[in-house]
Amino acid sequence: MGGDSIVAIRLVARGRAAGVVFSPRDVFRYQSVRELAAVAVEEGQRRGEPEDAGIGRFPETPIMAWLRDLAGPTGDFSQTVVLQVPAGLGLDRLTSAVRVVLDHHDVLRLRVSAEGGY
């Protein structure tokens, strides 16, 4: 299954669409279909989201408030930053480091819903 948190979140979403609930943490902890099926529950059996699910509402950030106040089209907006890394770092090490940061900081995987939720 790999260590890709984005893939885990997509897998969780597909499970929910099929009426099966498990967390992204479950995907990493139980790495076979058999193990994951043993901890998954049918939708409605689990009360609320696990504390570490990395989903749900949260207060908007200053840039989000600024964009909201513009009252214009912001659907294509993305916030980026360019960083310089050591020349000898290598793609594998860079990819691994970015994956660790993304896995640890849920807000870096944020998507704003069409309904304006965060």
PDB file of N, CA and C in Angstrom:
ATOM      1  N   MET A   1       0.818  -1.190   0.000  1.00  0.00           N
ATOM      2  CA  MET A   1       0.000   0.000   0.000  1.00  0.00           C
ATOM      3  C   MET A   1       0.863   1.256   0.000  1.00  0.00           C
ATOM      4  N   GLY A   2       2.114   1.151   0.394  1.00  0.00           N
ATOM      5  CA  GLY A   2       2.972   2.323   0.380  1.00  0.00           C
ATOM      6  C   GLY A   2       2.716   3.242   1.554  1.00  0.00           C
ATOM      7  N   GLY A   3       3.470   4.336   1.599  1.00  0.00           N
ATOM      8  CA  GLY A   3       3.334   5.283   2.691  1.00  0.00           C
ATOM      9  C   GLY A   3       2.689   6.572   2.256  1.00  0.00           C
ATOM     10  N   ASP A   4       1.938   6.552   1.190  1.00  0.00           N
ATOM     11  CA  ASP A   4       1.382   7.770   0.636  1.00  0.00           C
ATOM     12  C   ASP A   4       0.066   8.119   1.312  1.00  0.00           C
ATOM     13  N   SER A   5       0.066   9.215   2.085  1.00  0.00           N
ATOM     14  CA  SER A   5      -1.135   9.604   2.816  1.00  0.00           C
ATOM     15  C   SER A   5      -2.271  10.012   1.891  1.00  0.00           C
ATOM     16  N   ILE A   6      -1.973  10.571   0.740  1.00  0.00           N
ATOM     17  CA  ILE A   6      -3.022  10.964  -0.200  1.00  0.00           C
ATOM     18  C   ILE A   6      -3.751   9.725  -0.711  1.00  0.00           C
ATOM     19  N   VAL A   7      -3.015   8.692  -1.037  1.00  0.00           N
ATOM     20  CA  VAL A   7      -3.625   7.444  -1.483  1.00  0.00           C
ATOM     21  C   VAL A   7      -4.481   6.861  -0.360  1.00  0.00           C
ATOM     22  N   ALA A   8      -3.996   6.931   0.877  1.00  0.00           N
ATOM     23  CA  ALA A   8      -4.763   6.416   2.013  1.00  0.00           C
ATOM     24  C   ALA A   8      -6.069   7.178   2.174  1.00  0.00           C
ATOM     25  N   ILE A   9      -6.029   8.495   2.032  1.00  0.00           N
ATOM     26  CA  ILE A   9      -7.238   9.304   2.165  1.00  0.00           C
ATOM     27  C   ILE A   9      -8.226   8.962   1.049  1.00  0.00           C
ATOM     28  N   ARG A  10      -7.719   8.765  -0.157  1.00  0.00           N
ATOM     29  CA  ARG A  10      -8.603   8.371  -1.264  1.00  0.00           C
ATOM     30  C   ARG A  10      -9.233   7.006  -0.997  1.00  0.00           C
ATOM     31  N   LEU A  11      -8.460   6.078  -0.469  1.00  0.00           N
ATOM     32  CA  LEU A  11      -8.977   4.757  -0.148  1.00  0.00           C
ATOM     33  C   LEU A  11     -10.073   4.849   0.909  1.00  0.00           C
ATOM     34  N   VAL A  12      -9.864   5.673   1.916  1.00  0.00           N
ATOM     35  CA  VAL A  12     -10.870   5.882   2.957  1.00  0.00           C
ATOM     36  C   VAL A  12     -12.147   6.456   2.333  1.00  0.00           C
ATOM     37  N   ALA A  13     -12.007   7.429   1.439  1.00  0.00           N
ATOM     38  CA  ALA A  13     -13.168   8.039   0.786  1.00  0.00           C
ATOM     39  C   ALA A  13     -13.928   7.014  -0.061  1.00  0.00           C
ATOM     40  N   ARG A  14     -13.200   6.162  -0.768  1.00  0.00           N
ATOM     41  CA  ARG A  14     -13.860   5.132  -1.584  1.00  0.00           C
ATOM     42  C   ARG A  14     -14.585   4.120  -0.695  1.00  0.00           C
ATOM     43  N   GLY A  15     -13.969   3.801   0.435  1.00  0.00           N
ATOM     44  CA  GLY A  15     -14.631   2.907   1.382  1.00  0.00           C
ATOM     45  C   GLY A  15     -15.921   3.499   1.892  1.00  0.00           C
ATOM     46  N   ARG A  16     -15.875   4.775   2.264  1.00  0.00           N
ATOM     47  CA  ARG A  16     -17.085   5.448   2.766  1.00  0.00           C
ATOM     48  C   ARG A  16     -18.179   5.475   1.713  1.00  0.00           C
ATOM     49  N   ALA A  17     -17.778   5.706   0.454  1.00  0.00           N
ATOM     50  CA  ALA A  17     -18.766   5.723  -0.630  1.00  0.00           C
ATOM     51  C   ALA A  17     -19.456   4.364  -0.754  1.00  0.00           C
ATOM     52  N   ALA A  18     -18.747   3.316  -0.369  1.00  0.00           N
ATOM     53  CA  ALA A  18     -19.304   1.968  -0.413  1.00  0.00           C
ATOM     54  C   ALA A  18     -19.956   1.574   0.918  1.00  0.00           C
ATOM     55  N   GLY A  19     -19.967   2.510   1.891  1.00  0.00           N
ATOM     56  CA  GLY A  19     -20.609   2.235   3.175  1.00  0.00           C
ATOM     57  C   GLY A  19     -19.716   1.559   4.196  1.00  0.00           C
ATOM     58  N   VAL A  20     -18.397   1.590   3.968  1.00  0.00           N
ATOM     59  CA  VAL A  20     -17.436   0.957   4.869  1.00  0.00           C
ATOM     60  C   VAL A  20     -16.541   2.046   5.459  1.00  0.00           C
ATOM     61  N   VAL A  21     -16.385   2.054   6.792  1.00  0.00           N
ATOM     62  CA  VAL A  21     -15.649   3.128   7.457  1.00  0.00           C
ATOM     63  C   VAL A  21     -14.377   2.593   8.115  1.00  0.00           C
ATOM     64  N   PHE A  22     -13.264   3.267   7.817  1.00  0.00           N
ATOM     65  CA  PHE A  22     -11.980   3.037   8.476  1.00  0.00           C
ATOM     66  C   PHE A  22     -11.191   4.318   8.326  1.00  0.00           C
ATOM     67  N   SER A  23     -10.132   4.475   9.096  1.00  0.00           N
ATOM     68  CA  SER A  23      -9.375   5.722   9.097  1.00  0.00           C
ATOM     69  C   SER A  23      -8.106   5.601   8.256  1.00  0.00           C
ATOM     70  N   PRO A  24      -7.524   6.750   7.861  1.00  0.00           N
ATOM     71  CA  PRO A  24      -6.242   6.692   7.165  1.00  0.00           C
ATOM     72  C   PRO A  24      -5.168   5.994   8.006  1.00  0.00           C
ATOM     73  N   ARG A  25      -5.210   6.189   9.315  1.00  0.00           N
ATOM     74  CA  ARG A  25      -4.253   5.523  10.197  1.00  0.00           C
ATOM     75  C   ARG A  25      -4.419   4.004  10.100  1.00  0.00           C
ATOM     76  N   ASP A  26      -5.677   3.532   9.988  1.00  0.00           N
ATOM     77  CA  ASP A  26      -5.926   2.095   9.829  1.00  0.00           C
ATOM     78  C   ASP A  26      -5.248   1.562   8.571  1.00  0.00           C
ATOM     79  N   VAL A  27      -5.261   2.358   7.498  1.00  0.00           N
ATOM     80  CA  VAL A  27      -4.650   1.921   6.241  1.00  0.00           C
ATOM     81  C   VAL A  27      -3.163   1.649   6.435  1.00  0.00           C
ATOM     82  N   PHE A  28      -2.500   2.493   7.210  1.00  0.00           N
ATOM     83  CA  PHE A  28      -1.068   2.305   7.439  1.00  0.00           C
ATOM     84  C   PHE A  28      -0.794   1.193   8.452  1.00  0.00           C
ATOM     85  N   ARG A  29      -1.665   1.070   9.435  1.00  0.00           N
ATOM     86  CA  ARG A  29      -1.461   0.070  10.487  1.00  0.00           C
ATOM     87  C   ARG A  29      -1.776  -1.339   9.976  1.00  0.00           C
ATOM     88  N   TYR A  30      -2.842  -1.485   9.202  1.00  0.00           N
ATOM     89  CA  TYR A  30      -3.279  -2.798   8.708  1.00  0.00           C
ATOM     90  C   TYR A  30      -3.072  -2.818   7.196  1.00  0.00           C
ATOM     91  N   GLN A  31      -1.981  -3.391   6.743  1.00  0.00           N
ATOM     92  CA  GLN A  31      -1.563  -3.212   5.362  1.00  0.00           C
ATOM     93  C   GLN A  31      -1.973  -4.315   4.400  1.00  0.00           C
ATOM     94  N   SER A  32      -2.849  -5.179   4.815  1.00  0.00           N
ATOM     95  CA  SER A  32      -3.398  -6.137   3.864  1.00  0.00           C
ATOM     96  C   SER A  32      -4.917  -5.940   3.841  1.00  0.00           C
ATOM     97  N   VAL A  33      -5.531  -6.370   2.769  1.00  0.00           N
ATOM     98  CA  VAL A  33      -6.981  -6.240   2.650  1.00  0.00           C
ATOM     99  C   VAL A  33      -7.664  -6.995   3.782  1.00  0.00           C
ATOM    100  N   ARG A  34      -7.161  -8.160   4.108  1.00  0.00           N
ATOM    101  CA  ARG A  34      -7.751  -8.975   5.175  1.00  0.00           C
ATOM    102  C   ARG A  34      -7.697  -8.253   6.516  1.00  0.00           C
ATOM    103  N   GLU A  35      -6.533  -7.687   6.856  1.00  0.00           N
ATOM    104  CA  GLU A  35      -6.386  -6.976   8.132  1.00  0.00           C
ATOM    105  C   GLU A  35      -7.272  -5.736   8.182  1.00  0.00           C
ATOM    106  N   LEU A  36      -7.316  -4.990   7.082  1.00  0.00           N
ATOM    107  CA  LEU A  36      -8.125  -3.775   7.036  1.00  0.00           C
ATOM    108  C   LEU A  36      -9.610  -4.115   7.140  1.00  0.00           C
ATOM    109  N   ALA A  37     -10.036  -5.178   6.473  1.00  0.00           N
ATOM    110  CA  ALA A  37     -11.440  -5.598   6.538  1.00  0.00           C
ATOM    111  C   ALA A  37     -11.839  -5.984   7.961  1.00  0.00           C
ATOM    112  N   ALA A  38     -10.894  -6.503   8.732  1.00  0.00           N
ATOM    113  CA  ALA A  38     -11.198  -6.916  10.109  1.00  0.00           C
ATOM    114  C   ALA A  38     -11.477  -5.727  11.029  1.00  0.00           C
ATOM    115  N   VAL A  39     -10.915  -4.553  10.722  1.00  0.00           N
ATOM    116  CA  VAL A  39     -11.129  -3.385  11.588  1.00  0.00           C
ATOM    117  C   VAL A  39     -12.156  -2.412  11.024  1.00  0.00           C
ATOM    118  N   ALA A  40     -12.511  -2.555   9.754  1.00  0.00           N
ATOM    119  CA  ALA A  40     -13.497  -1.665   9.143  1.00  0.00           C
ATOM    120  C   ALA A  40     -14.889  -2.004   9.678  1.00  0.00           C
ATOM    121  N   VAL A  41     -15.726  -0.981   9.744  1.00  0.00           N
ATOM    122  CA  VAL A  41     -17.109  -1.178  10.188  1.00  0.00           C
ATOM    123  C   VAL A  41     -18.037  -0.589   9.142  1.00  0.00           C
ATOM    124  N   GLU A  42     -19.290  -1.028   9.184  1.00  0.00           N
ATOM    125  CA  GLU A  42     -20.275  -0.460   8.278  1.00  0.00           C
ATOM    126  C   GLU A  42     -20.613   0.945   8.734  1.00  0.00           C
ATOM    127  N   GLU A  43     -20.922   1.805   7.760  1.00  0.00           N
ATOM    128  CA  GLU A  43     -21.269   3.191   8.080  1.00  0.00           C
ATOM    129  C   GLU A  43     -22.438   3.207   9.056  1.00  0.00           C
ATOM    130  N   GLY A  44     -22.340   4.049  10.062  1.00  0.00           N
ATOM    131  CA  GLY A  44     -23.382   4.142  11.082  1.00  0.00           C
ATOM    132  C   GLY A  44     -23.042   3.384  12.352  1.00  0.00           C
ATOM    133  N   GLN A  45     -22.102   2.434  12.269  1.00  0.00           N
ATOM    134  CA  GLN A  45     -21.705   1.685  13.457  1.00  0.00           C
ATOM    135  C   GLN A  45     -20.666   2.421  14.279  1.00  0.00           C
ATOM    136  N   ARG A  46     -19.856   3.251  13.649  1.00  0.00           N
ATOM    137  CA  ARG A  46     -18.812   3.993  14.355  1.00  0.00           C
ATOM    138  C   ARG A  46     -19.380   5.337  14.764  1.00  0.00           C
ATOM    139  N   ARG A  47     -19.143   5.715  15.990  1.00  0.00           N
ATOM    140  CA  ARG A  47     -19.650   6.993  16.479  1.00  0.00           C
ATOM    141  C   ARG A  47     -18.620   8.075  16.242  1.00  0.00           C
ATOM    142  N   GLY A  48     -18.899   8.979  15.313  1.00  0.00           N
ATOM    143  CA  GLY A  48     -17.989  10.077  15.042  1.00  0.00           C
ATOM    144  C   GLY A  48     -16.716   9.613  14.361  1.00  0.00           C
ATOM    145  N   GLU A  49     -15.845  10.551  14.123  1.00  0.00           N
ATOM    146  CA  GLU A  49     -14.565  10.270  13.481  1.00  0.00           C
ATOM    147  C   GLU A  49     -13.510  10.006  14.532  1.00  0.00           C
ATOM    148  N   PRO A  50     -12.529   9.170  14.216  1.00  0.00           N
ATOM    149  CA  PRO A  50     -11.405   9.012  15.134  1.00  0.00           C
ATOM    150  C   PRO A  50     -10.709  10.355  15.318  1.00  0.00           C
ATOM    151  N   GLU A  51     -10.147  10.577  16.484  1.00  0.00           N
ATOM    152  CA  GLU A  51      -9.503  11.851  16.781  1.00  0.00           C
ATOM    153  C   GLU A  51      -8.412  12.198  15.776  1.00  0.00           C
ATOM    154  N   ASP A  52      -7.728  11.208  15.261  1.00  0.00           N
ATOM    155  CA  ASP A  52      -6.610  11.460  14.348  1.00  0.00           C
ATOM    156  C   ASP A  52      -6.998  11.297  12.877  1.00  0.00           C
ATOM    157  N   ALA A  53      -8.266  11.436  12.556  1.00  0.00           N
ATOM    158  CA  ALA A  53      -8.724  11.202  11.188  1.00  0.00           C
ATOM    159  C   ALA A  53      -8.214  12.241  10.199  1.00  0.00           C
ATOM    160  N   GLY A  54      -7.882  13.427  10.670  1.00  0.00           N
ATOM    161  CA  GLY A  54      -7.386  14.462   9.773  1.00  0.00           C
ATOM    162  C   GLY A  54      -8.467  15.055   8.893  1.00  0.00           C
ATOM    163  N   ILE A  55      -9.716  14.941   9.330  1.00  0.00           N
ATOM    164  CA  ILE A  55     -10.814  15.520   8.568  1.00  0.00           C
ATOM    165  C   ILE A  55     -11.716  16.300   9.509  1.00  0.00           C
ATOM    166  N   GLY A  56     -12.538  17.130   8.945  1.00  0.00           N
ATOM    167  CA  GLY A  56     -13.476  17.907   9.739  1.00  0.00           C
ATOM    168  C   GLY A  56     -13.260  19.397   9.555  1.00  0.00           C
ATOM    169  N   ARG A  57     -14.044  20.185  10.253  1.00  0.00           N
ATOM    170  CA  ARG A  57     -13.991  21.634  10.140  1.00  0.00           C
ATOM    171  C   ARG A  57     -12.901  22.198  11.031  1.00  0.00           C
ATOM    172  N   PHE A  58     -12.401  23.364  10.659  1.00  0.00           N
ATOM    173  CA  PHE A  58     -11.413  24.065  11.470  1.00  0.00           C
ATOM    174  C   PHE A  58     -11.501  25.543  11.146  1.00  0.00           C
ATOM    175  N   PRO A  59     -10.964  26.415  11.995  1.00  0.00           N
ATOM    176  CA  PRO A  59     -11.024  27.856  11.731  1.00  0.00           C
ATOM    177  C   PRO A  59     -10.244  28.212  10.465  1.00  0.00           C
ATOM    178  N   GLU A  60     -10.769  29.192   9.726  1.00  0.00           N
ATOM    179  CA  GLU A  60     -10.076  29.576   8.502  1.00  0.00           C
ATOM    180  C   GLU A  60      -8.763  30.277   8.814  1.00  0.00           C
ATOM    181  N   THR A  61      -7.824  30.140   7.890  1.00  0.00           N
ATOM    182  CA  THR A  61      -6.526  30.796   8.020  1.00  0.00           C
ATOM    183  C   THR A  61      -6.645  32.231   7.515  1.00  0.00           C
ATOM    184  N   PRO A  62      -5.672  33.091   7.801  1.00  0.00           N
ATOM    185  CA  PRO A  62      -5.739  34.475   7.307  1.00  0.00           C
ATOM    186  C   PRO A  62      -5.867  34.565   5.781  1.00  0.00           C
ATOM    187  N   ILE A  63      -5.157  33.732   5.038  1.00  0.00           N
ATOM    188  CA  ILE A  63      -5.260  33.791   3.576  1.00  0.00           C
ATOM    189  C   ILE A  63      -6.641  33.365   3.115  1.00  0.00           C
ATOM    190  N   MET A  64      -7.262  32.427   3.816  1.00  0.00           N
ATOM    191  CA  MET A  64      -8.609  31.999   3.458  1.00  0.00           C
ATOM    192  C   MET A  64      -9.607  33.135   3.693  1.00  0.00           C
ATOM    193  N   ALA A  65      -9.468  33.845   4.805  1.00  0.00           N
ATOM    194  CA  ALA A  65     -10.346  34.984   5.097  1.00  0.00           C
ATOM    195  C   ALA A  65     -10.168  36.073   4.040  1.00  0.00           C
ATOM    196  N   TRP A  66      -8.934  36.330   3.647  1.00  0.00           N
ATOM    197  CA  TRP A  66      -8.644  37.341   2.631  1.00  0.00           C
ATOM    198  C   TRP A  66      -9.308  36.971   1.310  1.00  0.00           C
ATOM    199  N   LEU A  67      -9.177  35.712   0.913  1.00  0.00           N
ATOM    200  CA  LEU A  67      -9.792  35.268  -0.334  1.00  0.00           C
ATOM    201  C   LEU A  67     -11.312  35.363  -0.273  1.00  0.00           C
ATOM    202  N   ARG A  68     -11.893  34.966   0.846  1.00  0.00           N
ATOM    203  CA  ARG A  68     -13.345  35.045   1.010  1.00  0.00           C
ATOM    204  C   ARG A  68     -13.818  36.480   0.863  1.00  0.00           C
ATOM    205  N   ASP A  69     -13.086  37.419   1.444  1.00  0.00           N
ATOM    206  CA  ASP A  69     -13.465  38.830   1.415  1.00  0.00           C
ATOM    207  C   ASP A  69     -13.318  39.454   0.032  1.00  0.00           C
ATOM    208  N   LEU A  70     -12.573  38.823  -0.877  1.00  0.00           N
ATOM    209  CA  LEU A  70     -12.446  39.344  -2.233  1.00  0.00           C
ATOM    210  C   LEU A  70     -13.762  39.246  -3.005  1.00  0.00           C
ATOM    211  N   ALA A  71     -14.590  38.292  -2.623  1.00  0.00           N
ATOM    212  CA  ALA A  71     -15.907  38.081  -3.236  1.00  0.00           C
ATOM    213  C   ALA A  71     -15.818  37.918  -4.755  1.00  0.00           C
ATOM    214  N   GLY A  72     -14.766  37.324  -5.219  1.00  0.00           N
ATOM    215  CA  GLY A  72     -14.603  37.072  -6.649  1.00  0.00           C
ATOM    216  C   GLY A  72     -14.299  35.609  -6.886  1.00  0.00           C
ATOM    217  N   PRO A  73     -14.058  35.246  -8.141  1.00  0.00           N
ATOM    218  CA  PRO A  73     -13.752  33.846  -8.438  1.00  0.00           C
ATOM    219  C   PRO A  73     -12.381  33.449  -7.866  1.00  0.00           C
ATOM    220  N   THR A  74     -12.369  32.444  -7.041  1.00  0.00           N
ATOM    221  CA  THR A  74     -11.116  31.979  -6.431  1.00  0.00           C
ATOM    222  C   THR A  74     -10.934  30.480  -6.614  1.00  0.00           C
ATOM    223  N   GLY A  75     -11.720  29.878  -7.492  1.00  0.00           N
ATOM    224  CA  GLY A  75     -11.682  28.432  -7.665  1.00  0.00           C
ATOM    225  C   GLY A  75     -10.353  27.879  -8.129  1.00  0.00           C
ATOM    226  N   ASP A  76      -9.572  28.682  -8.831  1.00  0.00           N
ATOM    227  CA  ASP A  76      -8.287  28.206  -9.340  1.00  0.00           C
ATOM    228  C   ASP A  76      -7.116  28.646  -8.480  1.00  0.00           C
ATOM    229  N   PHE A  77      -7.391  29.233  -7.315  1.00  0.00           N
ATOM    230  CA  PHE A  77      -6.318  29.730  -6.463  1.00  0.00           C
ATOM    231  C   PHE A  77      -5.582  28.575  -5.793  1.00  0.00           C
ATOM    232  N   SER A  78      -4.287  28.680  -5.741  1.00  0.00           N
ATOM    233  CA  SER A  78      -3.486  27.743  -4.949  1.00  0.00           C
ATOM    234  C   SER A  78      -2.343  28.542  -4.339  1.00  0.00           C
ATOM    235  N   GLN A  79      -1.956  28.154  -3.161  1.00  0.00           N
ATOM    236  CA  GLN A  79      -0.865  28.846  -2.478  1.00  0.00           C
ATOM    237  C   GLN A  79       0.370  27.963  -2.565  1.00  0.00           C
ATOM    238  N   THR A  80       1.471  28.511  -3.074  1.00  0.00           N
ATOM    239  CA  THR A  80       2.680  27.723  -3.264  1.00  0.00           C
ATOM    240  C   THR A  80       3.888  28.451  -2.697  1.00  0.00           C
ATOM    241  N   VAL A  81       4.943  27.696  -2.555  1.00  0.00           N
ATOM    242  CA  VAL A  81       6.214  28.264  -2.129  1.00  0.00           C
ATOM    243  C   VAL A  81       7.319  27.482  -2.845  1.00  0.00           C
ATOM    244  N   VAL A  82       8.364  28.167  -3.224  1.00  0.00           N
ATOM    245  CA  VAL A  82       9.499  27.522  -3.883  1.00  0.00           C
ATOM    246  C   VAL A  82      10.646  27.468  -2.881  1.00  0.00           C
ATOM    247  N   LEU A  83      11.186  26.291  -2.689  1.00  0.00           N
ATOM    248  CA  LEU A  83      12.291  26.092  -1.759  1.00  0.00           C
ATOM    249  C   LEU A  83      13.504  25.575  -2.509  1.00  0.00           C
ATOM    250  N   GLN A  84      14.676  25.959  -2.062  1.00  0.00           N
ATOM    251  CA  GLN A  84      15.912  25.451  -2.654  1.00  0.00           C
ATOM    252  C   GLN A  84      16.459  24.371  -1.727  1.00  0.00           C
ATOM    253  N   VAL A  85      16.783  23.224  -2.306  1.00  0.00           N
ATOM    254  CA  VAL A  85      17.315  22.110  -1.520  1.00  0.00           C
ATOM    255  C   VAL A  85      18.755  21.856  -1.944  1.00  0.00           C
ATOM    256  N   PRO A  86      19.524  21.173  -1.104  1.00  0.00           N
ATOM    257  CA  PRO A  86      20.910  20.862  -1.469  1.00  0.00           C
ATOM    258  C   PRO A  86      20.970  20.057  -2.775  1.00  0.00           C
ATOM    259  N   ALA A  87      21.931  20.354  -3.607  1.00  0.00           N
ATOM    260  CA  ALA A  87      22.056  19.724  -4.926  1.00  0.00           C
ATOM    261  C   ALA A  87      22.146  18.202  -4.840  1.00  0.00           C
ATOM    262  N   GLY A  88      22.796  17.670  -3.833  1.00  0.00           N
ATOM    263  CA  GLY A  88      22.984  16.232  -3.730  1.00  0.00           C
ATOM    264  C   GLY A  88      21.866  15.495  -2.999  1.00  0.00           C
ATOM    265  N   LEU A  89      20.764  16.165  -2.716  1.00  0.00           N
ATOM    266  CA  LEU A  89      19.695  15.551  -1.932  1.00  0.00           C
ATOM    267  C   LEU A  89      19.110  14.320  -2.618  1.00  0.00           C
ATOM    268  N   GLY A  90      18.821  14.420  -3.886  1.00  0.00           N
ATOM    269  CA  GLY A  90      18.254  13.291  -4.622  1.00  0.00           C
ATOM    270  C   GLY A  90      16.742  13.244  -4.508  1.00  0.00           C
ATOM    271  N   LEU A  91      16.107  12.783  -5.574  1.00  0.00           N
ATOM    272  CA  LEU A  91      14.647  12.744  -5.639  1.00  0.00           C
ATOM    273  C   LEU A  91      14.042  11.825  -4.577  1.00  0.00           C
ATOM    274  N   ASP A  92      14.636  10.659  -4.339  1.00  0.00           N
ATOM    275  CA  ASP A  92      14.079   9.719  -3.358  1.00  0.00           C
ATOM    276  C   ASP A  92      14.056  10.313  -1.958  1.00  0.00           C
ATOM    277  N   ARG A  93      15.157  10.936  -1.555  1.00  0.00           N
ATOM    278  CA  ARG A  93      15.213  11.532  -0.218  1.00  0.00           C
ATOM    279  C   ARG A  93      14.266  12.719  -0.099  1.00  0.00           C
ATOM    280  N   LEU A  94      14.174  13.531  -1.152  1.00  0.00           N
ATOM    281  CA  LEU A  94      13.255  14.667  -1.143  1.00  0.00           C
ATOM    282  C   LEU A  94      11.808  14.186  -1.054  1.00  0.00           C
ATOM    283  N   THR A  95      11.457  13.199  -1.860  1.00  0.00           N
ATOM    284  CA  THR A  95      10.106  12.649  -1.839  1.00  0.00           C
ATOM    285  C   THR A  95       9.765  12.094  -0.464  1.00  0.00           C
ATOM    286  N   SER A  96      10.673  11.386   0.146  1.00  0.00           N
ATOM    287  CA  SER A  96      10.467  10.832   1.482  1.00  0.00           C
ATOM    288  C   SER A  96      10.251  11.931   2.515  1.00  0.00           C
ATOM    289  N   ALA A  97      11.048  12.986   2.456  1.00  0.00           N
ATOM    290  CA  ALA A  97      10.914  14.092   3.407  1.00  0.00           C
ATOM    291  C   ALA A  97       9.586  14.812   3.244  1.00  0.00           C
ATOM    292  N   VAL A  98       9.184  15.063   2.011  1.00  0.00           N
ATOM    293  CA  VAL A  98       7.900  15.734   1.765  1.00  0.00           C
ATOM    294  C   VAL A  98       6.745  14.856   2.245  1.00  0.00           C
ATOM    295  N   ARG A  99       6.847  13.560   2.014  1.00  0.00           N
ATOM    296  CA  ARG A  99       5.798  12.633   2.458  1.00  0.00           C
ATOM    297  C   ARG A  99       5.644  12.680   3.977  1.00  0.00           C
ATOM    298  N   VAL A 100       6.744  12.709   4.707  1.00  0.00           N
ATOM    299  CA  VAL A 100       6.686  12.776   6.170  1.00  0.00           C
ATOM    300  C   VAL A 100       5.981  14.056   6.626  1.00  0.00           C
ATOM    301  N   VAL A 101       6.320  15.166   5.991  1.00  0.00           N
ATOM    302  CA  VAL A 101       5.684  16.443   6.351  1.00  0.00           C
ATOM    303  C   VAL A 101       4.190  16.401   6.040  1.00  0.00           C
ATOM    304  N   LEU A 102       3.812  15.915   4.869  1.00  0.00           N
ATOM    305  CA  LEU A 102       2.395  15.830   4.509  1.00  0.00           C
ATOM    306  C   LEU A 102       1.634  14.885   5.424  1.00  0.00           C
ATOM    307  N   ASP A 103       2.241  13.773   5.798  1.00  0.00           N
ATOM    308  CA  ASP A 103       1.589  12.827   6.706  1.00  0.00           C
ATOM    309  C   ASP A 103       1.352  13.432   8.073  1.00  0.00           C
ATOM    310  N   HIS A 104       2.250  14.300   8.506  1.00  0.00           N
ATOM    311  CA  HIS A 104       2.180  14.871   9.856  1.00  0.00           C
ATOM    312  C   HIS A 104       1.253  16.086   9.942  1.00  0.00           C
ATOM    313  N   HIS A 105       1.155  16.867   8.874  1.00  0.00           N
ATOM    314  CA  HIS A 105       0.395  18.125   8.907  1.00  0.00           C
ATOM    315  C   HIS A 105      -0.833  18.019   7.999  1.00  0.00           C
ATOM    316  N   ASP A 106      -1.968  17.691   8.594  1.00  0.00           N
ATOM    317  CA  ASP A 106      -3.206  17.501   7.838  1.00  0.00           C
ATOM    318  C   ASP A 106      -3.575  18.712   6.991  1.00  0.00           C
ATOM    319  N   VAL A 107      -3.326  19.914   7.499  1.00  0.00           N
ATOM    320  CA  VAL A 107      -3.752  21.123   6.790  1.00  0.00           C
ATOM    321  C   VAL A 107      -3.044  21.271   5.437  1.00  0.00           C
ATOM    322  N   LEU A 108      -1.905  20.646   5.258  1.00  0.00           N
ATOM    323  CA  LEU A 108      -1.214  20.716   3.970  1.00  0.00           C
ATOM    324  C   LEU A 108      -1.926  19.905   2.890  1.00  0.00           C
ATOM    325  N   ARG A 109      -2.877  19.080   3.299  1.00  0.00           N
ATOM    326  CA  ARG A 109      -3.680  18.308   2.350  1.00  0.00           C
ATOM    327  C   ARG A 109      -5.087  18.885   2.221  1.00  0.00           C
ATOM    328  N   LEU A 110      -5.278  20.088   2.724  1.00  0.00           N
ATOM    329  CA  LEU A 110      -6.582  20.739   2.782  1.00  0.00           C
ATOM    330  C   LEU A 110      -7.197  20.963   1.418  1.00  0.00           C
ATOM    331  N   ARG A 111      -8.482  20.716   1.342  1.00  0.00           N
ATOM    332  CA  ARG A 111      -9.287  21.104   0.183  1.00  0.00           C
ATOM    333  C   ARG A 111     -10.535  21.783   0.721  1.00  0.00           C
ATOM    334  N   VAL A 112     -10.879  22.919   0.150  1.00  0.00           N
ATOM    335  CA  VAL A 112     -12.077  23.642   0.553  1.00  0.00           C
ATOM    336  C   VAL A 112     -13.235  23.128  -0.278  1.00  0.00           C
ATOM    337  N   SER A 113     -14.333  22.797   0.386  1.00  0.00           N
ATOM    338  CA  SER A 113     -15.483  22.258  -0.329  1.00  0.00           C
ATOM    339  C   SER A 113     -16.250  23.369  -1.049  1.00  0.00           C
ATOM    340  N   ALA A 114     -17.059  22.984  -1.999  1.00  0.00           N
ATOM    341  CA  ALA A 114     -17.860  23.943  -2.762  1.00  0.00           C
ATOM    342  C   ALA A 114     -18.837  24.694  -1.858  1.00  0.00           C
ATOM    343  N   GLU A 115     -19.194  24.097  -0.736  1.00  0.00           N
ATOM    344  CA  GLU A 115     -20.119  24.728   0.197  1.00  0.00           C
ATOM    345  C   GLU A 115     -19.419  25.748   1.091  1.00  0.00           C
ATOM    346  N   GLY A 116     -18.111  25.925   0.927  1.00  0.00           N
ATOM    347  CA  GLY A 116     -17.371  26.899   1.709  1.00  0.00           C
ATOM    348  C   GLY A 116     -16.846  26.343   3.015  1.00  0.00           C
ATOM    349  N   GLY A 117     -16.893  25.035   3.204  1.00  0.00           N
ATOM    350  CA  GLY A 117     -16.386  24.437   4.440  1.00  0.00           C
ATOM    351  C   GLY A 117     -14.886  24.244   4.382  1.00  0.00           C
ATOM    352  N   TYR A 118     -14.290  24.201   5.546  1.00  0.00           N
ATOM    353  CA  TYR A 118     -12.846  23.987   5.641  1.00  0.00           C
ATOM    354  C   TYR A 118     -12.591  22.725   6.415  1.00  0.00           C
TER     355      TYR A 118
END
